[in-house]
PDB file of all heavy atoms in Angstrom:
ATOM      1  N   GLY A   1     133.034 163.213-157.653  1.00  0.00           N
ATOM      2  CA  GLY A   1     134.371 162.869-157.733  1.00  0.00           C
ATOM      3  C   GLY A   1     134.990 162.338-156.393  1.00  0.00           C
ATOM      4  O   GLY A   1     134.363 162.580-155.335  1.00  0.00           O
ATOM      5  N   PRO A   2     136.097 161.637-156.355  1.00  0.00           N
ATOM      6  CA  PRO A   2     136.642 161.035-155.088  1.00  0.00           C
ATOM      7  C   PRO A   2     136.856 162.090-154.044  1.00  0.00           C
ATOM      8  O   PRO A   2     136.464 161.882-152.891  1.00  0.00           O
ATOM      9  CB  PRO A   2     137.916 160.479-155.594  1.00  0.00           C
ATOM     10  CG  PRO A   2     137.762 160.190-157.070  1.00  0.00           C
ATOM     11  CD  PRO A   2     136.906 161.327-157.497  1.00  0.00           C
ATOM     12  N   VAL A   3     137.481 163.244-154.277  1.00  0.00           N
ATOM     13  CA  VAL A   3     137.623 164.208-153.296  1.00  0.00           C
ATOM     14  C   VAL A   3     136.319 164.777-152.784  1.00  0.00           C
ATOM     15  O   VAL A   3     136.129 164.984-151.532  1.00  0.00           O
ATOM     16  CB  VAL A   3     138.567 165.412-153.796  1.00  0.00           C
ATOM     17  CG1 VAL A   3     138.711 166.468-152.674  1.00  0.00           C
ATOM     18  CG2 VAL A   3     139.876 164.875-154.271  1.00  0.00           C
ATOM     19  N   THR A   4     135.366 165.061-153.656  1.00  0.00           N
ATOM     20  CA  THR A   4     134.118 165.646-153.327  1.00  0.00           C
ATOM     21  C   THR A   4     133.248 164.777-152.445  1.00  0.00           C
ATOM     22  O   THR A   4     132.699 165.139-151.545  1.00  0.00           O
ATOM     23  CB  THR A   4     133.393 166.089-154.621  1.00  0.00           C
ATOM     24  OG1 THR A   4     134.331 166.768-155.403  1.00  0.00           O
ATOM     25  CG2 THR A   4     132.204 166.983-154.213  1.00  0.00           C
ATOM     26  N   MET A   5     133.286 163.463-152.808  1.00  0.00           N
ATOM     27  CA  MET A   5     132.606 162.481-152.054  1.00  0.00           C
ATOM     28  C   MET A   5     132.981 162.397-150.615  1.00  0.00           C
ATOM     29  O   MET A   5     132.193 162.082-149.748  1.00  0.00           O
ATOM     30  CB  MET A   5     132.614 161.129-152.806  1.00  0.00           C
ATOM     31  CG  MET A   5     131.746 161.060-154.047  1.00  0.00           C
ATOM     32  SD  MET A   5     129.965 161.141-153.862  1.00  0.00           S
ATOM     33  CE  MET A   5     129.676 159.307-153.546  1.00  0.00           C
ATOM     34  N   THR A   6     134.243 162.535-150.431  1.00  0.00           N
ATOM     35  CA  THR A   6     134.827 162.519-149.074  1.00  0.00           C
ATOM     36  C   THR A   6     134.405 163.773-148.354  1.00  0.00           C
ATOM     37  O   THR A   6     133.891 163.661-147.213  1.00  0.00           O
ATOM     38  CB  THR A   6     136.356 162.520-149.196  1.00  0.00           C
ATOM     39  OG1 THR A   6     136.748 161.364-149.939  1.00  0.00           O
ATOM     40  CG2 THR A   6     136.983 162.447-147.825  1.00  0.00           C
ATOM     41  N   PHE A   7     134.603 164.857-149.021  1.00  0.00           N
ATOM     42  CA  PHE A   7     134.228 166.153-148.200  1.00  0.00           C
ATOM     43  C   PHE A   7     132.781 166.307-147.982  1.00  0.00           C
ATOM     44  O   PHE A   7     132.387 167.177-146.991  1.00  0.00           O
ATOM     45  CB  PHE A   7     134.810 167.341-148.997  1.00  0.00           C
ATOM     46  CG  PHE A   7     136.275 167.540-149.004  1.00  0.00           C
ATOM     47  CD1 PHE A   7     136.964 168.405-149.842  1.00  0.00           C
ATOM     48  CD2 PHE A   7     137.044 166.632-148.147  1.00  0.00           C
ATOM     49  CE1 PHE A   7     138.360 168.433-149.794  1.00  0.00           C
ATOM     50  CE2 PHE A   7     138.472 166.713-148.198  1.00  0.00           C
ATOM     51  CZ  PHE A   7     139.142 167.644-149.083  1.00  0.00           C
ATOM     52  N   THR A   8     131.907 165.782-148.810  1.00  0.00           N
ATOM     53  CA  THR A   8     130.431 165.923-148.589  1.00  0.00           C
ATOM     54  C   THR A   8     129.777 164.755-147.963  1.00  0.00           C
ATOM     55  O   THR A   8     128.543 164.640-148.059  1.00  0.00           O
ATOM     56  CB  THR A   8     129.784 166.323-150.046  1.00  0.00           C
ATOM     57  OG1 THR A   8     130.013 165.101-150.860  1.00  0.00           O
ATOM     58  CG2 THR A   8     130.333 167.495-150.566  1.00  0.00           C
ATOM     59  N   TYR A   9     130.604 163.903-147.385  1.00  0.00           N
ATOM     60  CA  TYR A   9     129.989 162.637-146.689  1.00  0.00           C
ATOM     61  C   TYR A   9     129.164 161.874-147.758  1.00  0.00           C
ATOM     62  O   TYR A   9     128.025 161.400-147.443  1.00  0.00           O
ATOM     63  CB  TYR A   9     129.252 163.007-145.521  1.00  0.00           C
ATOM     64  CG  TYR A   9     130.041 163.701-144.407  1.00  0.00           C
ATOM     65  CD1 TYR A   9     129.970 165.043-144.241  1.00  0.00           C
ATOM     66  CD2 TYR A   9     130.892 162.976-143.639  1.00  0.00           C
ATOM     67  CE1 TYR A   9     130.718 165.752-143.334  1.00  0.00           C
ATOM     68  CE2 TYR A   9     131.674 163.615-142.616  1.00  0.00           C
ATOM     69  CZ  TYR A   9     131.645 165.003-142.506  1.00  0.00           C
ATOM     70  OH  TYR A   9     132.331 165.613-141.612  1.00  0.00           O
ATOM     71  N   GLY A  10     129.781 161.579-148.901  1.00  0.00           N
ATOM     72  CA  GLY A  10     129.036 160.749-149.819  1.00  0.00           C
ATOM     73  C   GLY A  10     127.893 161.492-150.543  1.00  0.00           C
ATOM     74  O   GLY A  10     126.861 160.914-150.819  1.00  0.00           O
ATOM     75  N   ARG A  11     128.001 162.872-150.712  1.00  0.00           N
ATOM     76  CA  ARG A  11     126.999 163.559-151.342  1.00  0.00           C
ATOM     77  C   ARG A  11     125.783 163.992-150.583  1.00  0.00           C
ATOM     78  O   ARG A  11     124.676 164.328-151.100  1.00  0.00           O
ATOM     79  CB  ARG A  11     126.556 162.987-152.661  1.00  0.00           C
ATOM     80  CG  ARG A  11     126.299 164.029-153.821  1.00  0.00           C
ATOM     81  CD  ARG A  11     125.959 163.279-155.184  1.00  0.00           C
ATOM     82  NE  ARG A  11     125.376 164.144-156.003  1.00  0.00           N
ATOM     83  CZ  ARG A  11     124.351 163.804-156.926  1.00  0.00           C
ATOM     84  NH1 ARG A  11     123.845 162.622-156.829  1.00  0.00           N
ATOM     85  NH2 ARG A  11     123.882 164.741-157.823  1.00  0.00           N
ATOM     86  N   LYS A  12     125.866 163.770-149.281  1.00  0.00           N
ATOM     87  CA  LYS A  12     124.877 164.165-148.330  1.00  0.00           C
ATOM     88  C   LYS A  12     124.742 165.780-148.386  1.00  0.00           C
ATOM     89  O   LYS A  12     123.632 166.274-147.986  1.00  0.00           O
ATOM     90  CB  LYS A  12     125.103 163.654-146.902  1.00  0.00           C
ATOM     91  CG  LYS A  12     124.841 162.053-146.829  1.00  0.00           C
ATOM     92  CD  LYS A  12     124.911 161.614-145.394  1.00  0.00           C
ATOM     93  CE  LYS A  12     124.621 160.136-145.331  1.00  0.00           C
ATOM     94  NZ  LYS A  12     124.638 159.679-143.887  1.00  0.00           N
ATOM     95  N   GLN A  13     125.910 166.388-148.626  1.00  0.00           N
ATOM     96  CA  GLN A  13     125.909 167.857-148.830  1.00  0.00           C
ATOM     97  C   GLN A  13     126.065 168.116-150.330  1.00  0.00           C
ATOM     98  O   GLN A  13     126.497 167.194-150.955  1.00  0.00           O
ATOM     99  CB  GLN A  13     126.892 168.474-147.969  1.00  0.00           C
ATOM    100  CG  GLN A  13     126.692 168.174-146.443  1.00  0.00           C
ATOM    101  CD  GLN A  13     127.813 168.507-145.589  1.00  0.00           C
ATOM    102  OE1 GLN A  13     129.013 168.610-146.017  1.00  0.00           O
ATOM    103  NE2 GLN A  13     127.558 168.977-144.272  1.00  0.00           N
ATOM    104  N   MET A  14     125.820 169.316-150.674  1.00  0.00           N
ATOM    105  CA  MET A  14     126.152 169.731-151.988  1.00  0.00           C
ATOM    106  C   MET A  14     127.415 170.471-152.123  1.00  0.00           C
ATOM    107  O   MET A  14     127.638 171.416-151.354  1.00  0.00           O
ATOM    108  CB  MET A  14     124.979 170.585-152.593  1.00  0.00           C
ATOM    109  CG  MET A  14     125.289 171.148-154.001  1.00  0.00           C
ATOM    110  SD  MET A  14     124.039 172.369-154.747  1.00  0.00           S
ATOM    111  CE  MET A  14     122.811 171.189-155.162  1.00  0.00           C
ATOM    112  N   SER A  15     128.350 170.011-153.035  1.00  0.00           N
ATOM    113  CA  SER A  15     129.557 170.655-153.164  1.00  0.00           C
ATOM    114  C   SER A  15     129.418 171.971-154.065  1.00  0.00           C
ATOM    115  O   SER A  15     128.440 172.140-154.727  1.00  0.00           O
ATOM    116  CB  SER A  15     130.556 169.701-153.810  1.00  0.00           C
ATOM    117  OG  SER A  15     130.251 169.514-155.204  1.00  0.00           O
ATOM    118  N   TYR A  16     130.443 172.769-154.017  1.00  0.00           N
ATOM    119  CA  TYR A  16     130.555 173.992-154.773  1.00  0.00           C
ATOM    120  C   TYR A  16     130.638 173.538-156.270  1.00  0.00           C
ATOM    121  O   TYR A  16     130.210 174.205-157.264  1.00  0.00           O
ATOM    122  CB  TYR A  16     131.599 174.907-154.466  1.00  0.00           C
ATOM    123  CG  TYR A  16     131.113 175.828-153.358  1.00  0.00           C
ATOM    124  CD1 TYR A  16     131.468 175.768-151.979  1.00  0.00           C
ATOM    125  CD2 TYR A  16     130.159 176.978-153.687  1.00  0.00           C
ATOM    126  CE1 TYR A  16     131.021 176.556-151.043  1.00  0.00           C
ATOM    127  CE2 TYR A  16     129.664 177.727-152.664  1.00  0.00           C
ATOM    128  CZ  TYR A  16     130.065 177.606-151.312  1.00  0.00           C
ATOM    129  OH  TYR A  16     129.693 178.394-150.370  1.00  0.00           O
ATOM    130  N   ASP A  17     131.341 172.438-156.595  1.00  0.00           N
ATOM    131  CA  ASP A  17     131.435 171.925-157.951  1.00  0.00           C
ATOM    132  C   ASP A  17     129.959 171.762-158.549  1.00  0.00           C
ATOM    133  O   ASP A  17     129.653 172.223-159.565  1.00  0.00           O
ATOM    134  CB  ASP A  17     132.085 170.583-158.083  1.00  0.00           C
ATOM    135  CG  ASP A  17     133.483 170.787-157.917  1.00  0.00           C
ATOM    136  OD1 ASP A  17     134.175 171.830-158.240  1.00  0.00           O
ATOM    137  OD2 ASP A  17     134.326 169.690-157.561  1.00  0.00           O
ATOM    138  N   GLU A  18     129.060 170.972-157.758  1.00  0.00           N
ATOM    139  CA  GLU A  18     127.672 170.846-158.210  1.00  0.00           C
ATOM    140  C   GLU A  18     126.914 172.025-158.163  1.00  0.00           C
ATOM    141  O   GLU A  18     126.144 172.291-159.075  1.00  0.00           O
ATOM    142  CB  GLU A  18     127.041 169.745-157.370  1.00  0.00           C
ATOM    143  CG  GLU A  18     125.768 169.311-157.855  1.00  0.00           C
ATOM    144  CD  GLU A  18     125.117 168.150-157.048  1.00  0.00           C
ATOM    145  OE1 GLU A  18     125.763 167.678-156.018  1.00  0.00           O
ATOM    146  OE2 GLU A  18     123.958 167.818-157.312  1.00  0.00           O
ATOM    147  N   TYR A  19     127.126 172.877-157.208  1.00  0.00           N
ATOM    148  CA  TYR A  19     126.329 174.145-157.036  1.00  0.00           C
ATOM    149  C   TYR A  19     126.564 174.980-158.302  1.00  0.00           C
ATOM    150  O   TYR A  19     125.557 175.556-158.858  1.00  0.00           O
ATOM    151  CB  TYR A  19     126.731 174.805-155.726  1.00  0.00           C
ATOM    152  CG  TYR A  19     126.197 176.163-155.589  1.00  0.00           C
ATOM    153  CD1 TYR A  19     124.916 176.279-154.874  1.00  0.00           C
ATOM    154  CD2 TYR A  19     126.772 177.362-156.045  1.00  0.00           C
ATOM    155  CE1 TYR A  19     124.311 177.607-154.632  1.00  0.00           C
ATOM    156  CE2 TYR A  19     126.221 178.589-155.772  1.00  0.00           C
ATOM    157  CZ  TYR A  19     125.075 178.743-155.116  1.00  0.00           C
ATOM    158  OH  TYR A  19     124.401 179.996-154.970  1.00  0.00           O
ATOM    159  N   TYR A  20     127.783 175.203-158.659  1.00  0.00           N
ATOM    160  CA  TYR A  20     128.134 176.183-159.796  1.00  0.00           C
ATOM    161  C   TYR A  20     127.811 175.479-161.123  1.00  0.00           C
ATOM    162  O   TYR A  20     127.576 176.250-161.978  1.00  0.00           O
ATOM    163  CB  TYR A  20     129.459 176.755-159.615  1.00  0.00           C
ATOM    164  CG  TYR A  20     129.606 177.961-158.673  1.00  0.00           C
ATOM    165  CD1 TYR A  20     130.128 178.005-157.585  1.00  0.00           C
ATOM    166  CD2 TYR A  20     128.820 179.133-159.196  1.00  0.00           C
ATOM    167  CE1 TYR A  20     130.048 179.089-156.653  1.00  0.00           C
ATOM    168  CE2 TYR A  20     128.839 180.285-158.323  1.00  0.00           C
ATOM    169  CZ  TYR A  20     129.476 180.195-157.145  1.00  0.00           C
ATOM    170  OH  TYR A  20     129.429 181.327-156.315  1.00  0.00           O
ATOM    171  N   ASN A  21     127.864 174.163-161.228  1.00  0.00           N
ATOM    172  CA  ASN A  21     127.527 173.595-162.451  1.00  0.00           C
ATOM    173  C   ASN A  21     125.981 173.633-162.651  1.00  0.00           C
ATOM    174  O   ASN A  21     125.628 174.005-163.845  1.00  0.00           O
ATOM    175  CB  ASN A  21     127.928 172.145-162.393  1.00  0.00           C
ATOM    176  CG  ASN A  21     127.624 171.380-163.803  1.00  0.00           C
ATOM    177  OD1 ASN A  21     128.163 171.699-164.758  1.00  0.00           O
ATOM    178  ND2 ASN A  21     126.682 170.509-163.671  1.00  0.00           N
ATOM    179  N   ALA A  22     125.270 173.528-161.609  1.00  0.00           N
ATOM    180  CA  ALA A  22     123.729 173.686-161.691  1.00  0.00           C
ATOM    181  C   ALA A  22     123.505 175.244-161.971  1.00  0.00           C
ATOM    182  O   ALA A  22     122.550 175.496-162.848  1.00  0.00           O
ATOM    183  CB  ALA A  22     123.118 173.259-160.359  1.00  0.00           C
ATOM    184  N   ASP A  23     124.272 176.163-161.374  1.00  0.00           N
ATOM    185  CA  ASP A  23     123.967 177.520-161.705  1.00  0.00           C
ATOM    186  C   ASP A  23     124.296 177.835-163.270  1.00  0.00           C
ATOM    187  O   ASP A  23     123.473 178.633-163.840  1.00  0.00           O
ATOM    188  CB  ASP A  23     124.880 178.286-160.766  1.00  0.00           C
ATOM    189  CG  ASP A  23     124.773 179.825-161.127  1.00  0.00           C
ATOM    190  OD1 ASP A  23     123.795 180.577-160.763  1.00  0.00           O
ATOM    191  OD2 ASP A  23     125.814 180.435-161.678  1.00  0.00           O
ATOM    192  N   LEU A  24     125.351 177.219-163.762  1.00  0.00           N
ATOM    193  CA  LEU A  24     125.731 177.521-165.186  1.00  0.00           C
ATOM    194  C   LEU A  24     124.617 177.051-166.000  1.00  0.00           C
ATOM    195  O   LEU A  24     124.131 177.663-166.966  1.00  0.00           O
ATOM    196  CB  LEU A  24     126.990 176.801-165.514  1.00  0.00           C
ATOM    197  CG  LEU A  24     127.481 176.821-167.031  1.00  0.00           C
ATOM    198  CD1 LEU A  24     127.696 178.147-167.504  1.00  0.00           C
ATOM    199  CD2 LEU A  24     128.627 175.970-167.229  1.00  0.00           C
ATOM    200  N   HIS A  25     124.040 175.748-165.731  1.00  0.00           N
ATOM    201  CA  HIS A  25     122.961 175.200-166.668  1.00  0.00           C
ATOM    202  C   HIS A  25     121.731 176.030-166.461  1.00  0.00           C
ATOM    203  O   HIS A  25     120.922 176.190-167.469  1.00  0.00           O
ATOM    204  CB  HIS A  25     122.841 173.712-166.329  1.00  0.00           C
ATOM    205  CG  HIS A  25     123.913 172.941-167.047  1.00  0.00           C
ATOM    206  ND1 HIS A  25     123.927 172.635-168.340  1.00  0.00           N
ATOM    207  CD2 HIS A  25     124.917 172.214-166.431  1.00  0.00           C
ATOM    208  CE1 HIS A  25     124.933 171.992-168.561  1.00  0.00           C
ATOM    209  NE2 HIS A  25     125.591 171.648-167.451  1.00  0.00           N
ATOM    210  N   ARG A  26     121.442 176.611-165.333  1.00  0.00           N
ATOM    211  CA  ARG A  26     120.188 177.348-165.195  1.00  0.00           C
ATOM    212  C   ARG A  26     120.450 178.673-166.099  1.00  0.00           C
ATOM    213  O   ARG A  26     119.488 179.138-166.664  1.00  0.00           O
ATOM    214  CB  ARG A  26     120.013 177.836-163.711  1.00  0.00           C
ATOM    215  CG  ARG A  26     119.344 176.676-162.882  1.00  0.00           C
ATOM    216  CD  ARG A  26     118.914 177.192-161.610  1.00  0.00           C
ATOM    217  NE  ARG A  26     119.998 177.602-160.716  1.00  0.00           N
ATOM    218  CZ  ARG A  26     120.561 176.726-159.826  1.00  0.00           C
ATOM    219  NH1 ARG A  26     120.148 175.502-159.704  1.00  0.00           N
ATOM    220  NH2 ARG A  26     121.625 177.212-159.154  1.00  0.00           N
ATOM    221  N   ARG A  27     121.564 179.220-166.121  1.00  0.00           N
ATOM    222  CA  ARG A  27     121.811 180.413-166.772  1.00  0.00           C
ATOM    223  C   ARG A  27     121.680 180.148-168.335  1.00  0.00           C
ATOM    224  O   ARG A  27     121.202 181.005-169.204  1.00  0.00           O
ATOM    225  CB  ARG A  27     123.237 180.990-166.534  1.00  0.00           C
ATOM    226  CG  ARG A  27     123.367 181.429-165.167  1.00  0.00           C
ATOM    227  CD  ARG A  27     124.794 181.850-164.895  1.00  0.00           C
ATOM    228  NE  ARG A  27     125.162 183.063-165.456  1.00  0.00           N
ATOM    229  CZ  ARG A  27     125.379 184.289-164.757  1.00  0.00           C
ATOM    230  NH1 ARG A  27     125.327 184.166-163.426  1.00  0.00           N
ATOM    231  NH2 ARG A  27     125.615 185.420-165.422  1.00  0.00           N
ATOM    232  N   ILE A  28     122.149 178.996-168.783  1.00  0.00           N
ATOM    233  CA  ILE A  28     122.093 178.538-170.265  1.00  0.00           C
ATOM    234  C   ILE A  28     120.698 178.420-170.631  1.00  0.00           C
ATOM    235  O   ILE A  28     120.202 178.993-171.694  1.00  0.00           O
ATOM    236  CB  ILE A  28     122.878 177.264-170.477  1.00  0.00           C
ATOM    237  CG1 ILE A  28     124.355 177.472-170.291  1.00  0.00           C
ATOM    238  CG2 ILE A  28     122.627 176.705-171.780  1.00  0.00           C
ATOM    239  CD1 ILE A  28     125.254 176.318-170.234  1.00  0.00           C
ATOM    240  N   LEU A  29     119.885 177.800-169.726  1.00  0.00           N
ATOM    241  CA  LEU A  29     118.480 177.533-170.070  1.00  0.00           C
ATOM    242  C   LEU A  29     117.734 178.912-170.193  1.00  0.00           C
ATOM    243  O   LEU A  29     116.889 179.039-171.019  1.00  0.00           O
ATOM    244  CB  LEU A  29     117.815 176.718-169.074  1.00  0.00           C
ATOM    245  CG  LEU A  29     118.145 175.175-169.078  1.00  0.00           C
ATOM    246  CD1 LEU A  29     117.569 174.330-167.949  1.00  0.00           C
ATOM    247  CD2 LEU A  29     117.684 174.436-170.481  1.00  0.00           C
ATOM    248  N   ALA A  30     118.019 179.724-169.209  1.00  0.00           N
ATOM    249  CA  ALA A  30     117.324 181.072-169.262  1.00  0.00           C
ATOM    250  C   ALA A  30     117.659 181.924-170.450  1.00  0.00           C
ATOM    251  O   ALA A  30     116.820 182.605-171.029  1.00  0.00           O
ATOM    252  CB  ALA A  30     117.832 181.804-167.903  1.00  0.00           C
ATOM    253  N   ALA A  31     119.065 181.809-170.888  1.00  0.00           N
ATOM    254  CA  ALA A  31     119.458 182.613-171.936  1.00  0.00           C
ATOM    255  C   ALA A  31     118.834 182.071-173.288  1.00  0.00           C
ATOM    256  O   ALA A  31     118.444 182.863-174.149  1.00  0.00           O
ATOM    257  CB  ALA A  31     120.922 182.460-172.156  1.00  0.00           C
ATOM    258  N   LYS A  32     118.701 180.718-173.366  1.00  0.00           N
ATOM    259  CA  LYS A  32     118.064 180.165-174.597  1.00  0.00           C
ATOM    260  C   LYS A  32     116.560 180.636-174.594  1.00  0.00           C
ATOM    261  O   LYS A  32     116.109 180.904-175.674  1.00  0.00           O
ATOM    262  CB  LYS A  32     118.082 178.612-174.473  1.00  0.00           C
ATOM    263  CG  LYS A  32     119.370 177.985-174.751  1.00  0.00           C
ATOM    264  CD  LYS A  32     119.411 176.409-174.622  1.00  0.00           C
ATOM    265  CE  LYS A  32     118.430 175.878-175.711  1.00  0.00           C
ATOM    266  NZ  LYS A  32     118.434 174.482-175.596  1.00  0.00           N
ATOM    267  N   LYS A  33     115.888 180.586-173.618  1.00  0.00           N
ATOM    268  CA  LYS A  33     114.529 180.970-173.538  1.00  0.00           C
ATOM    269  C   LYS A  33     114.279 182.469-173.768  1.00  0.00           C
ATOM    270  O   LYS A  33     113.406 182.805-174.626  1.00  0.00           O
ATOM    271  CB  LYS A  33     113.780 180.687-172.175  1.00  0.00           C
ATOM    272  CG  LYS A  33     112.373 181.043-171.988  1.00  0.00           C
ATOM    273  CD  LYS A  33     111.801 180.633-170.585  1.00  0.00           C
ATOM    274  CE  LYS A  33     110.403 180.942-170.508  1.00  0.00           C
ATOM    275  NZ  LYS A  33     109.839 180.544-169.137  1.00  0.00           N
ATOM    276  N   LYS A  34     115.175 183.301-173.284  1.00  0.00           N
ATOM    277  CA  LYS A  34     115.114 184.753-173.421  1.00  0.00           C
ATOM    278  C   LYS A  34     115.395 185.131-174.789  1.00  0.00           C
ATOM    279  O   LYS A  34     114.762 186.103-175.471  1.00  0.00           O
ATOM    280  CB  LYS A  34     115.953 185.441-172.403  1.00  0.00           C
ATOM    281  CG  LYS A  34     116.069 187.006-172.540  1.00  0.00           C
ATOM    282  CD  LYS A  34     117.009 187.566-171.512  1.00  0.00           C
ATOM    283  CE  LYS A  34     116.984 189.107-171.716  1.00  0.00           C
ATOM    284  NZ  LYS A  34     117.895 189.810-170.705  1.00  0.00           N
ATOM    285  N   ASN A  35     116.466 184.561-175.535  1.00  0.00           N
ATOM    286  CA  ASN A  35     116.885 184.941-176.686  1.00  0.00           C
ATOM    287  C   ASN A  35     116.412 184.133-177.922  1.00  0.00           C
ATOM    288  O   ASN A  35     116.830 184.289-179.019  1.00  0.00           O
ATOM    289  CB  ASN A  35     118.518 184.937-176.724  1.00  0.00           C
ATOM    290  CG  ASN A  35     118.994 185.865-175.613  1.00  0.00           C
ATOM    291  OD1 ASN A  35     118.484 186.761-175.245  1.00  0.00           O
ATOM    292  ND2 ASN A  35     120.376 185.476-175.260  1.00  0.00           N
ATOM    293  N   GLY A  36     115.482 183.292-177.670  1.00  0.00           N
ATOM    294  CA  GLY A  36     114.917 182.493-178.640  1.00  0.00           C
ATOM    295  C   GLY A  36     115.853 181.606-179.343  1.00  0.00           C
ATOM    296  O   GLY A  36     115.935 181.436-180.629  1.00  0.00           O
ATOM    297  N   SER A  37     116.575 180.834-178.558  1.00  0.00           N
ATOM    298  CA  SER A  37     117.601 179.887-179.110  1.00  0.00           C
ATOM    299  C   SER A  37     117.236 178.332-179.007  1.00  0.00           C
ATOM    300  O   SER A  37     116.616 177.958-178.033  1.00  0.00           O
ATOM    301  CB  SER A  37     118.987 180.077-178.381  1.00  0.00           C
ATOM    302  OG  SER A  37     119.963 179.186-178.701  1.00  0.00           O
ATOM    303  N   ASN A  38     117.554 177.646-180.011  1.00  0.00           N
ATOM    304  CA  ASN A  38     117.336 176.219-180.034  1.00  0.00           C
ATOM    305  C   ASN A  38     118.627 175.443-179.984  1.00  0.00           C
ATOM    306  O   ASN A  38     118.719 174.281-180.402  1.00  0.00           O
ATOM    307  CB  ASN A  38     116.535 175.868-181.233  1.00  0.00           C
ATOM    308  CG  ASN A  38     115.021 176.327-181.269  1.00  0.00           C
ATOM    309  OD1 ASN A  38     114.294 176.285-180.236  1.00  0.00           O
ATOM    310  ND2 ASN A  38     114.599 176.878-182.484  1.00  0.00           N
TER     311      ASN A  38
END
């Protein structure tokens, strides 16, 4: 996003938006595997 690209010098750093989005998807994948979900 425009604000994030500014604050992270063009994504040279990872923003908290990206950090927590990745964290959410890791949790979803882990829950699917653990609970037998397709």
